[in-house]
Amino acid sequence: MNKESHVAFISQKLKEEFNSLKDEKLHKFINRALDDLKQNPACGVKISKKLWPKSYIQKYQITNLWKYDLPNAWRLIYTIESDEIKIMSIILEWFSHKDYERKFNY
């Protein structure tokens, strides 16, 4: 039996930010990413543990971290959780490449 794959936002606040995005292109890009993640949660790039921002570990107690490259150098950051029945891709945030580099200290 294949597990069901779902996508969720880490918080209601983040979901509301997504729903009220003024940048229509970015909204469309993220929507496409959400569809891709429903099909294959591992379609992004796994981020090496040594690169994880401490804030993610403290705030979300993550055990894995993934990056999905959006067009125009935007990044979508997510983690994956699963149980016997389903796989959940949890969106933590998205940002421009510049903010991504700052957050990950590149």
PDB file of N, CA and C in Angstrom:
ATOM      1  N   MET A   1       0.834  -1.194   0.000  1.00  0.00           N
ATOM      2  CA  MET A   1       0.000   0.000   0.000  1.00  0.00           C
ATOM      3  C   MET A   1       0.872   1.248   0.000  1.00  0.00           C
ATOM      4  N   ASN A   2       0.632   2.163  -0.932  1.00  0.00           N
ATOM      5  CA  ASN A   2       1.352   3.422  -0.961  1.00  0.00           C
ATOM      6  C   ASN A   2       0.794   4.370   0.082  1.00  0.00           C
ATOM      7  N   LYS A   3       1.693   5.123   0.684  1.00  0.00           N
ATOM      8  CA  LYS A   3       1.249   6.113   1.659  1.00  0.00           C
ATOM      9  C   LYS A   3       0.665   7.315   0.939  1.00  0.00           C
ATOM     10  N   GLU A   4      -0.326   7.923   1.565  1.00  0.00           N
ATOM     11  CA  GLU A   4      -0.889   9.165   1.037  1.00  0.00           C
ATOM     12  C   GLU A   4       0.111  10.278   1.289  1.00  0.00           C
ATOM     13  N   SER A   5       0.229  11.197   0.347  1.00  0.00           N
ATOM     14  CA  SER A   5       1.140  12.318   0.498  1.00  0.00           C
ATOM     15  C   SER A   5       0.349  13.617   0.588  1.00  0.00           C
ATOM     16  N   HIS A   6       0.650  14.407   1.613  1.00  0.00           N
ATOM     17  CA  HIS A   6      -0.057  15.661   1.857  1.00  0.00           C
ATOM     18  C   HIS A   6       0.951  16.791   2.025  1.00  0.00           C
ATOM     19  N   VAL A   7       0.453  18.013   1.888  1.00  0.00           N
ATOM     20  CA  VAL A   7       1.284  19.186   2.109  1.00  0.00           C
ATOM     21  C   VAL A   7       0.533  20.111   3.062  1.00  0.00           C
ATOM     22  N   ALA A   8       1.269  20.690   4.007  1.00  0.00           N
ATOM     23  CA  ALA A   8       0.665  21.624   4.953  1.00  0.00           C
ATOM     24  C   ALA A   8       1.660  22.745   5.247  1.00  0.00           C
ATOM     25  N   PHE A   9       1.154  23.829   5.765  1.00  0.00           N
ATOM     26  CA  PHE A   9       2.013  24.918   6.218  1.00  0.00           C
ATOM     27  C   PHE A   9       2.274  24.725   7.699  1.00  0.00           C
ATOM     28  N   ILE A  10       3.439  25.163   8.161  1.00  0.00           N
ATOM     29  CA  ILE A  10       3.831  24.975   9.563  1.00  0.00           C
ATOM     30  C   ILE A  10       2.881  25.710  10.516  1.00  0.00           C
ATOM     31  N   SER A  11       2.235  26.772  10.023  1.00  0.00           N
ATOM     32  CA  SER A  11       1.322  27.530  10.884  1.00  0.00           C
ATOM     33  C   SER A  11       0.198  28.144  10.051  1.00  0.00           C
ATOM     34  N   GLN A  12      -0.866  28.501  10.735  1.00  0.00           N
ATOM     35  CA  GLN A  12      -1.988  29.184  10.086  1.00  0.00           C
ATOM     36  C   GLN A  12      -1.519  30.530   9.535  1.00  0.00           C
ATOM     37  N   LYS A  13      -0.621  31.182  10.269  1.00  0.00           N
ATOM     38  CA  LYS A  13      -0.086  32.487   9.862  1.00  0.00           C
ATOM     39  C   LYS A  13       0.628  32.369   8.506  1.00  0.00           C
ATOM     40  N   LEU A  14       1.450  31.326   8.354  1.00  0.00           N
ATOM     41  CA  LEU A  14       2.174  31.142   7.096  1.00  0.00           C
ATOM     42  C   LEU A  14       1.197  30.848   5.952  1.00  0.00           C
ATOM     43  N   LYS A  15       0.185  30.052   6.246  1.00  0.00           N
ATOM     44  CA  LYS A  15      -0.833  29.744   5.228  1.00  0.00           C
ATOM     45  C   LYS A  15      -1.540  31.021   4.786  1.00  0.00           C
ATOM     46  N   GLU A  16      -1.849  31.893   5.747  1.00  0.00           N
ATOM     47  CA  GLU A  16      -2.499  33.159   5.426  1.00  0.00           C
ATOM     48  C   GLU A  16      -1.564  34.051   4.608  1.00  0.00           C
ATOM     49  N   GLU A  17      -0.272  34.049   4.951  1.00  0.00           N
ATOM     50  CA  GLU A  17       0.697  34.824   4.164  1.00  0.00           C
ATOM     51  C   GLU A  17       0.705  34.339   2.720  1.00  0.00           C
ATOM     52  N   PHE A  18       0.689  33.031   2.542  1.00  0.00           N
ATOM     53  CA  PHE A  18       0.663  32.460   1.196  1.00  0.00           C
ATOM     54  C   PHE A  18      -0.611  32.881   0.462  1.00  0.00           C
ATOM     55  N   ASN A  19      -1.745  32.736   1.119  1.00  0.00           N
ATOM     56  CA  ASN A  19      -3.025  33.054   0.494  1.00  0.00           C
ATOM     57  C   ASN A  19      -3.165  34.529   0.143  1.00  0.00           C
ATOM     58  N   SER A  20      -2.437  35.391   0.847  1.00  0.00           N
ATOM     59  CA  SER A  20      -2.556  36.829   0.580  1.00  0.00           C
ATOM     60  C   SER A  20      -1.345  37.399  -0.160  1.00  0.00           C
ATOM     61  N   LEU A  21      -0.528  36.504  -0.746  1.00  0.00           N
ATOM     62  CA  LEU A  21       0.633  36.977  -1.519  1.00  0.00           C
ATOM     63  C   LEU A  21       0.183  37.907  -2.641  1.00  0.00           C
ATOM     64  N   LYS A  22       0.827  39.065  -2.737  1.00  0.00           N
ATOM     65  CA  LYS A  22       0.495  40.023  -3.796  1.00  0.00           C
ATOM     66  C   LYS A  22       1.174  39.644  -5.115  1.00  0.00           C
ATOM     67  N   ASP A  23       2.322  38.980  -5.013  1.00  0.00           N
ATOM     68  CA  ASP A  23       3.088  38.585  -6.199  1.00  0.00           C
ATOM     69  C   ASP A  23       2.432  37.340  -6.812  1.00  0.00           C
ATOM     70  N   GLU A  24       1.648  37.552  -7.862  1.00  0.00           N
ATOM     71  CA  GLU A  24       0.897  36.442  -8.466  1.00  0.00           C
ATOM     72  C   GLU A  24       1.806  35.351  -9.007  1.00  0.00           C
ATOM     73  N   LYS A  25       2.936  35.751  -9.605  1.00  0.00           N
ATOM     74  CA  LYS A  25       3.869  34.758 -10.143  1.00  0.00           C
ATOM     75  C   LYS A  25       4.410  33.877  -9.027  1.00  0.00           C
ATOM     76  N   LEU A  26       4.834  34.501  -7.948  1.00  0.00           N
ATOM     77  CA  LEU A  26       5.374  33.732  -6.820  1.00  0.00           C
ATOM     78  C   LEU A  26       4.311  32.797  -6.265  1.00  0.00           C
ATOM     79  N   HIS A  27       3.083  33.284  -6.137  1.00  0.00           N
ATOM     80  CA  HIS A  27       1.976  32.457  -5.658  1.00  0.00           C
ATOM     81  C   HIS A  27       1.806  31.233  -6.567  1.00  0.00           C
ATOM     82  N   LYS A  28       1.873  31.451  -7.872  1.00  0.00           N
ATOM     83  CA  LYS A  28       1.741  30.355  -8.836  1.00  0.00           C
ATOM     84  C   LYS A  28       2.909  29.366  -8.713  1.00  0.00           C
ATOM     85  N   PHE A  29       4.130  29.895  -8.560  1.00  0.00           N
ATOM     86  CA  PHE A  29       5.308  29.040  -8.408  1.00  0.00           C
ATOM     87  C   PHE A  29       5.179  28.159  -7.168  1.00  0.00           C
ATOM     88  N   ILE A  30       4.755  28.760  -6.059  1.00  0.00           N
ATOM     89  CA  ILE A  30       4.620  27.997  -4.804  1.00  0.00           C
ATOM     90  C   ILE A  30       3.506  26.961  -4.955  1.00  0.00           C
ATOM     91  N   ASN A  31       2.414  27.352  -5.593  1.00  0.00           N
ATOM     92  CA  ASN A  31       1.320  26.403  -5.823  1.00  0.00           C
ATOM     93  C   ASN A  31       1.797  25.191  -6.614  1.00  0.00           C
ATOM     94  N   ARG A  32       2.606  25.436  -7.646  1.00  0.00           N
ATOM     95  CA  ARG A  32       3.155  24.339  -8.448  1.00  0.00           C
ATOM     96  C   ARG A  32       4.050  23.459  -7.573  1.00  0.00           C
ATOM     97  N   ALA A  33       4.850  24.086  -6.724  1.00  0.00           N
ATOM     98  CA  ALA A  33       5.723  23.333  -5.818  1.00  0.00           C
ATOM     99  C   ALA A  33       4.881  22.442  -4.894  1.00  0.00           C
ATOM    100  N   LEU A  34       3.777  22.981  -4.371  1.00  0.00           N
ATOM    101  CA  LEU A  34       2.912  22.204  -3.475  1.00  0.00           C
ATOM    102  C   LEU A  34       2.358  20.981  -4.210  1.00  0.00           C
ATOM    103  N   ASP A  35       1.968  21.168  -5.466  1.00  0.00           N
ATOM    104  CA  ASP A  35       1.480  20.040  -6.270  1.00  0.00           C
ATOM    105  C   ASP A  35       2.589  19.005  -6.469  1.00  0.00           C
ATOM    106  N   ASP A  36       3.800  19.482  -6.786  1.00  0.00           N
ATOM    107  CA  ASP A  36       4.930  18.566  -6.965  1.00  0.00           C
ATOM    108  C   ASP A  36       5.217  17.781  -5.690  1.00  0.00           C
ATOM    109  N   LEU A  37       5.156  18.458  -4.548  1.00  0.00           N
ATOM    110  CA  LEU A  37       5.432  17.795  -3.264  1.00  0.00           C
ATOM    111  C   LEU A  37       4.366  16.750  -2.934  1.00  0.00           C
ATOM    112  N   LYS A  38       3.126  16.990  -3.347  1.00  0.00           N
ATOM    113  CA  LYS A  38       2.069  15.984  -3.138  1.00  0.00           C
ATOM    114  C   LYS A  38       2.378  14.729  -3.945  1.00  0.00           C
ATOM    115  N   GLN A  39       2.936  14.917  -5.141  1.00  0.00           N
ATOM    116  CA  GLN A  39       3.294  13.788  -5.999  1.00  0.00           C
ATOM    117  C   GLN A  39       4.530  13.057  -5.478  1.00  0.00           C
ATOM    118  N   ASN A  40       5.533  13.837  -5.052  1.00  0.00           N
ATOM    119  CA  ASN A  40       6.807  13.268  -4.608  1.00  0.00           C
ATOM    120  C   ASN A  40       7.439  14.182  -3.547  1.00  0.00           C
ATOM    121  N   PRO A  41       7.253  13.846  -2.269  1.00  0.00           N
ATOM    122  CA  PRO A  41       7.785  14.689  -1.200  1.00  0.00           C
ATOM    123  C   PRO A  41       9.305  14.897  -1.278  1.00  0.00           C
ATOM    124  N   ALA A  42      10.002  13.977  -1.908  1.00  0.00           N
ATOM    125  CA  ALA A  42      11.467  14.085  -1.981  1.00  0.00           C
ATOM    126  C   ALA A  42      11.937  14.730  -3.287  1.00  0.00           C
ATOM    127  N   CYS A  43      11.059  15.499  -3.931  1.00  0.00           N
ATOM    128  CA  CYS A  43      11.451  16.098  -5.214  1.00  0.00           C
ATOM    129  C   CYS A  43      12.387  17.291  -5.032  1.00  0.00           C
ATOM    130  N   GLY A  44      12.497  17.791  -3.814  1.00  0.00           N
ATOM    131  CA  GLY A  44      13.423  18.895  -3.554  1.00  0.00           C
ATOM    132  C   GLY A  44      14.829  18.373  -3.326  1.00  0.00           C
ATOM    133  N   VAL A  45      15.681  19.230  -2.817  1.00  0.00           N
ATOM    134  CA  VAL A  45      17.070  18.884  -2.523  1.00  0.00           C
ATOM    135  C   VAL A  45      17.218  18.795  -1.012  1.00  0.00           C
ATOM    136  N   LYS A  46      17.738  17.667  -0.537  1.00  0.00           N
ATOM    137  CA  LYS A  46      17.929  17.495   0.900  1.00  0.00           C
ATOM    138  C   LYS A  46      19.097  18.375   1.357  1.00  0.00           C
ATOM    139  N   ILE A  47      18.878  19.118   2.426  1.00  0.00           N
ATOM    140  CA  ILE A  47      19.905  20.027   2.949  1.00  0.00           C
ATOM    141  C   ILE A  47      20.706  19.303   4.024  1.00  0.00           C
ATOM    142  N   SER A  48      22.012  19.357   3.901  1.00  0.00           N
ATOM    143  CA  SER A  48      22.913  18.721   4.861  1.00  0.00           C
ATOM    144  C   SER A  48      22.674  19.263   6.267  1.00  0.00           C
ATOM    145  N   LYS A  49      22.654  18.365   7.241  1.00  0.00           N
ATOM    146  CA  LYS A  49      22.337  18.736   8.624  1.00  0.00           C
ATOM    147  C   LYS A  49      23.241  19.848   9.155  1.00  0.00           C
ATOM    148  N   LYS A  50      24.493  19.853   8.742  1.00  0.00           N
ATOM    149  CA  LYS A  50      25.408  20.869   9.266  1.00  0.00           C
ATOM    150  C   LYS A  50      25.056  22.287   8.781  1.00  0.00           C
ATOM    151  N   LEU A  51      24.196  22.375   7.770  1.00  0.00           N
ATOM    152  CA  LEU A  51      23.788  23.677   7.233  1.00  0.00           C
ATOM    153  C   LEU A  51      22.459  24.187   7.818  1.00  0.00           C
ATOM    154  N   TRP A  52      21.784  23.343   8.591  1.00  0.00           N
ATOM    155  CA  TRP A  52      20.479  23.739   9.116  1.00  0.00           C
ATOM    156  C   TRP A  52      20.604  24.949  10.037  1.00  0.00           C
ATOM    157  N   PRO A  53      19.750  25.958   9.852  1.00  0.00           N
ATOM    158  CA  PRO A  53      19.731  27.077  10.804  1.00  0.00           C
ATOM    159  C   PRO A  53      19.275  26.582  12.176  1.00  0.00           C
ATOM    160  N   LYS A  54      19.971  27.006  13.209  1.00  0.00           N
ATOM    161  CA  LYS A  54      19.620  26.585  14.582  1.00  0.00           C
ATOM    162  C   LYS A  54      18.180  26.940  14.935  1.00  0.00           C
ATOM    163  N   SER A  55      17.700  28.046  14.372  1.00  0.00           N
ATOM    164  CA  SER A  55      16.331  28.477  14.679  1.00  0.00           C
ATOM    165  C   SER A  55      15.308  27.422  14.253  1.00  0.00           C
ATOM    166  N   TYR A  56      15.559  26.721  13.154  1.00  0.00           N
ATOM    167  CA  TYR A  56      14.635  25.670  12.705  1.00  0.00           C
ATOM    168  C   TYR A  56      14.629  24.503  13.683  1.00  0.00           C
ATOM    169  N   ILE A  57      15.803  24.145  14.164  1.00  0.00           N
ATOM    170  CA  ILE A  57      15.912  23.016  15.091  1.00  0.00           C
ATOM    171  C   ILE A  57      15.198  23.356  16.398  1.00  0.00           C
ATOM    172  N   GLN A  58      15.428  24.559  16.901  1.00  0.00           N
ATOM    173  CA  GLN A  58      14.820  24.969  18.167  1.00  0.00           C
ATOM    174  C   GLN A  58      13.314  25.163  18.036  1.00  0.00           C
ATOM    175  N   LYS A  59      12.900  25.835  16.968  1.00  0.00           N
ATOM    176  CA  LYS A  59      11.487  26.186  16.813  1.00  0.00           C
ATOM    177  C   LYS A  59      10.623  25.010  16.384  1.00  0.00           C
ATOM    178  N   TYR A  60      11.135  24.155  15.481  1.00  0.00           N
ATOM    179  CA  TYR A  60      10.306  23.104  14.879  1.00  0.00           C
ATOM    180  C   TYR A  60      10.739  21.676  15.208  1.00  0.00           C
ATOM    181  N   GLN A  61      11.873  21.505  15.910  1.00  0.00           N
ATOM    182  CA  GLN A  61      12.400  20.161  16.224  1.00  0.00           C
ATOM    183  C   GLN A  61      12.477  19.284  14.972  1.00  0.00           C
ATOM    184  N   ILE A  62      12.989  19.843  13.873  1.00  0.00           N
ATOM    185  CA  ILE A  62      13.055  19.107  12.612  1.00  0.00           C
ATOM    186  C   ILE A  62      14.061  17.954  12.676  1.00  0.00           C
ATOM    187  N   THR A  63      13.805  16.932  11.873  1.00  0.00           N
ATOM    188  CA  THR A  63      14.735  15.806  11.748  1.00  0.00           C
ATOM    189  C   THR A  63      15.260  15.697  10.321  1.00  0.00           C
ATOM    190  N   ASN A  64      14.738  16.548   9.423  1.00  0.00           N
ATOM    191  CA  ASN A  64      15.210  16.617   8.037  1.00  0.00           C
ATOM    192  C   ASN A  64      14.822  17.979   7.489  1.00  0.00           C
ATOM    193  N   LEU A  65      15.533  18.420   6.471  1.00  0.00           N
ATOM    194  CA  LEU A  65      15.254  19.735   5.899  1.00  0.00           C
ATOM    195  C   LEU A  65      15.495  19.674   4.396  1.00  0.00           C
ATOM    196  N   TRP A  66      14.573  20.251   3.650  1.00  0.00           N
ATOM    197  CA  TRP A  66      14.605  20.190   2.191  1.00  0.00           C
ATOM    198  C   TRP A  66      14.423  21.575   1.599  1.00  0.00           C
ATOM    199  N   LYS A  67      14.941  21.736   0.389  1.00  0.00           N
ATOM    200  CA  LYS A  67      14.827  22.987  -0.346  1.00  0.00           C
ATOM    201  C   LYS A  67      14.239  22.671  -1.708  1.00  0.00           C
ATOM    202  N   TYR A  68      13.259  23.444  -2.106  1.00  0.00           N
ATOM    203  CA  TYR A  68      12.681  23.324  -3.446  1.00  0.00           C
ATOM    204  C   TYR A  68      13.009  24.625  -4.152  1.00  0.00           C
ATOM    205  N   ASP A  69      13.724  24.519  -5.272  1.00  0.00           N
ATOM    206  CA  ASP A  69      14.097  25.713  -6.026  1.00  0.00           C
ATOM    207  C   ASP A  69      12.926  26.193  -6.863  1.00  0.00           C
ATOM    208  N   LEU A  70      12.497  27.406  -6.591  1.00  0.00           N
ATOM    209  CA  LEU A  70      11.423  28.034  -7.354  1.00  0.00           C
ATOM    210  C   LEU A  70      12.050  28.902  -8.451  1.00  0.00           C
ATOM    211  N   PRO A  71      11.279  29.260  -9.478  1.00  0.00           N
ATOM    212  CA  PRO A  71      11.817  30.167 -10.506  1.00  0.00           C
ATOM    213  C   PRO A  71      12.227  31.520  -9.900  1.00  0.00           C
ATOM    214  N   ASN A  72      13.013  32.264 -10.650  1.00  0.00           N
ATOM    215  CA  ASN A  72      13.487  33.592 -10.223  1.00  0.00           C
ATOM    216  C   ASN A  72      14.297  33.539  -8.929  1.00  0.00           C
ATOM    217  N   ALA A  73      14.973  32.432  -8.709  1.00  0.00           N
ATOM    218  CA  ALA A  73      15.892  32.245  -7.574  1.00  0.00           C
ATOM    219  C   ALA A  73      15.212  32.295  -6.202  1.00  0.00           C
ATOM    220  N   TRP A  74      13.915  32.019  -6.138  1.00  0.00           N
ATOM    221  CA  TRP A  74      13.241  31.895  -4.849  1.00  0.00           C
ATOM    222  C   TRP A  74      13.445  30.483  -4.323  1.00  0.00           C
ATOM    223  N   ARG A  75      13.367  30.315  -3.014  1.00  0.00           N
ATOM    224  CA  ARG A  75      13.539  29.011  -2.370  1.00  0.00           C
ATOM    225  C   ARG A  75      12.346  28.725  -1.460  1.00  0.00           C
ATOM    226  N   LEU A  76      11.893  27.477  -1.491  1.00  0.00           N
ATOM    227  CA  LEU A  76      10.841  27.009  -0.591  1.00  0.00           C
ATOM    228  C   LEU A  76      11.505  26.001   0.341  1.00  0.00           C
ATOM    229  N   ILE A  77      11.382  26.209   1.650  1.00  0.00           N
ATOM    230  CA  ILE A  77      12.023  25.338   2.633  1.00  0.00           C
ATOM    231  C   ILE A  77      10.940  24.503   3.315  1.00  0.00           C
ATOM    232  N   TYR A  78      11.200  23.195   3.401  1.00  0.00           N
ATOM    233  CA  TYR A  78      10.199  22.312   4.017  1.00  0.00           C
ATOM    234  C   TYR A  78      10.868  21.135   4.723  1.00  0.00           C
ATOM    235  N   THR A  79      10.087  20.481   5.541  1.00  0.00           N
ATOM    236  CA  THR A  79      10.526  19.266   6.216  1.00  0.00           C
ATOM    237  C   THR A  79       9.489  18.184   5.936  1.00  0.00           C
ATOM    238  N   ILE A  80       9.875  16.932   6.096  1.00  0.00           N
ATOM    239  CA  ILE A  80       8.961  15.818   5.821  1.00  0.00           C
ATOM    240  C   ILE A  80       8.758  15.002   7.088  1.00  0.00           C
ATOM    241  N   GLU A  81       7.513  14.724   7.395  1.00  0.00           N
ATOM    242  CA  GLU A  81       7.183  13.834   8.507  1.00  0.00           C
ATOM    243  C   GLU A  81       6.289  12.735   7.956  1.00  0.00           C
ATOM    244  N   SER A  82       6.391  11.547   8.554  1.00  0.00           N
ATOM    245  CA  SER A  82       5.524  10.468   8.083  1.00  0.00           C
ATOM    246  C   SER A  82       5.192   9.505   9.215  1.00  0.00           C
ATOM    247  N   ASP A  83       4.098   8.788   8.990  1.00  0.00           N
ATOM    248  CA  ASP A  83       3.722   7.697   9.898  1.00  0.00           C
ATOM    249  C   ASP A  83       3.338   6.512   9.018  1.00  0.00           C
ATOM    250  N   GLU A  84       2.640   5.550   9.553  1.00  0.00           N
ATOM    251  CA  GLU A  84       2.306   4.342   8.795  1.00  0.00           C
ATOM    252  C   GLU A  84       1.363   4.642   7.628  1.00  0.00           C
ATOM    253  N   ILE A  85       0.582   5.714   7.756  1.00  0.00           N
ATOM    254  CA  ILE A  85      -0.482   5.976   6.787  1.00  0.00           C
ATOM    255  C   ILE A  85      -0.139   7.069   5.788  1.00  0.00           C
ATOM    256  N   LYS A  86       0.511   8.137   6.253  1.00  0.00           N
ATOM    257  CA  LYS A  86       0.713   9.265   5.344  1.00  0.00           C
ATOM    258  C   LYS A  86       2.095   9.898   5.470  1.00  0.00           C
ATOM    259  N   ILE A  87       2.438  10.628   4.416  1.00  0.00           N
ATOM    260  CA  ILE A  87       3.655  11.428   4.389  1.00  0.00           C
ATOM    261  C   ILE A  87       3.204  12.883   4.316  1.00  0.00           C
ATOM    262  N   MET A  88       3.779  13.728   5.157  1.00  0.00           N
ATOM    263  CA  MET A  88       3.390  15.131   5.200  1.00  0.00           C
ATOM    264  C   MET A  88       4.600  16.000   4.909  1.00  0.00           C
ATOM    265  N   SER A  89       4.514  16.789   3.833  1.00  0.00           N
ATOM    266  CA  SER A  89       5.527  17.810   3.562  1.00  0.00           C
ATOM    267  C   SER A  89       5.047  19.078   4.259  1.00  0.00           C
ATOM    268  N   ILE A  90       5.879  19.615   5.141  1.00  0.00           N
ATOM    269  CA  ILE A  90       5.472  20.773   5.930  1.00  0.00           C
ATOM    270  C   ILE A  90       6.298  21.991   5.502  1.00  0.00           C
ATOM    271  N   ILE A  91       5.611  22.975   4.956  1.00  0.00           N
ATOM    272  CA  ILE A  91       6.264  24.187   4.460  1.00  0.00           C
ATOM    273  C   ILE A  91       6.654  25.064   5.646  1.00  0.00           C
ATOM    274  N   LEU A  92       7.947  25.394   5.739  1.00  0.00           N
ATOM    275  CA  LEU A  92       8.436  26.236   6.825  1.00  0.00           C
ATOM    276  C   LEU A  92       8.512  27.701   6.405  1.00  0.00           C
ATOM    277  N   GLU A  93       9.010  27.956   5.194  1.00  0.00           N
ATOM    278  CA  GLU A  93       9.034  29.317   4.682  1.00  0.00           C
ATOM    279  C   GLU A  93       9.527  29.340   3.245  1.00  0.00           C
ATOM    280  N   TRP A  94       9.426  30.492   2.631  1.00  0.00           N
ATOM    281  CA  TRP A  94       9.987  30.719   1.295  1.00  0.00           C
ATOM    282  C   TRP A  94      10.638  32.085   1.315  1.00  0.00           C
ATOM    283  N   PHE A  95      11.653  32.234   0.521  1.00  0.00           N
ATOM    284  CA  PHE A  95      12.304  33.536   0.435  1.00  0.00           C
ATOM    285  C   PHE A  95      13.169  33.650  -0.810  1.00  0.00           C
ATOM    286  N   SER A  96      13.610  34.881  -1.062  1.00  0.00           N
ATOM    287  CA  SER A  96      14.467  35.145  -2.213  1.00  0.00           C
ATOM    288  C   SER A  96      15.821  34.485  -1.973  1.00  0.00           C
ATOM    289  N   HIS A  97      16.589  34.340  -3.024  1.00  0.00           N
ATOM    290  CA  HIS A  97      17.900  33.703  -2.905  1.00  0.00           C
ATOM    291  C   HIS A  97      18.799  34.469  -1.933  1.00  0.00           C
ATOM    292  N   LYS A  98      18.723  35.786  -1.968  1.00  0.00           N
ATOM    293  CA  LYS A  98      19.537  36.621  -1.078  1.00  0.00           C
ATOM    294  C   LYS A  98      19.203  36.333   0.396  1.00  0.00           C
ATOM    295  N   ASP A  99      17.919  36.287   0.718  1.00  0.00           N
ATOM    296  CA  ASP A  99      17.503  35.993   2.100  1.00  0.00           C
ATOM    297  C   ASP A  99      17.846  34.548   2.475  1.00  0.00           C
ATOM    298  N   TYR A 100      17.747  33.653   1.502  1.00  0.00           N
ATOM    299  CA  TYR A 100      18.112  32.254   1.715  1.00  0.00           C
ATOM    300  C   TYR A 100      19.594  32.156   2.084  1.00  0.00           C
ATOM    301  N   GLU A 101      20.442  32.842   1.330  1.00  0.00           N
ATOM    302  CA  GLU A 101      21.881  32.822   1.619  1.00  0.00           C
ATOM    303  C   GLU A 101      22.172  33.375   3.002  1.00  0.00           C
ATOM    304  N   ARG A 102      21.447  34.426   3.362  1.00  0.00           N
ATOM    305  CA  ARG A 102      21.637  35.029   4.684  1.00  0.00           C
ATOM    306  C   ARG A 102      21.233  34.045   5.788  1.00  0.00           C
ATOM    307  N   LYS A 103      20.081  33.413   5.620  1.00  0.00           N
ATOM    308  CA  LYS A 103      19.573  32.477   6.628  1.00  0.00           C
ATOM    309  C   LYS A 103      20.483  31.269   6.786  1.00  0.00           C
ATOM    310  N   PHE A 104      21.043  30.794   5.656  1.00  0.00           N
ATOM    311  CA  PHE A 104      21.881  29.586   5.696  1.00  0.00           C
ATOM    312  C   PHE A 104      23.369  29.897   5.737  1.00  0.00           C
ATOM    313  N   ASN A 105      23.702  31.172   5.918  1.00  0.00           N
ATOM    314  CA  ASN A 105      25.097  31.614   6.058  1.00  0.00           C
ATOM    315  C   ASN A 105      26.001  31.189   4.922  1.00  0.00           C
ATOM    316  N   TYR A 106      25.544  31.358   3.692  1.00  0.00           N
ATOM    317  CA  TYR A 106      26.386  31.043   2.529  1.00  0.00           C
ATOM    318  C   TYR A 106      27.265  32.231   2.203  1.00  0.00           C
TER     319      TYR A 106
END
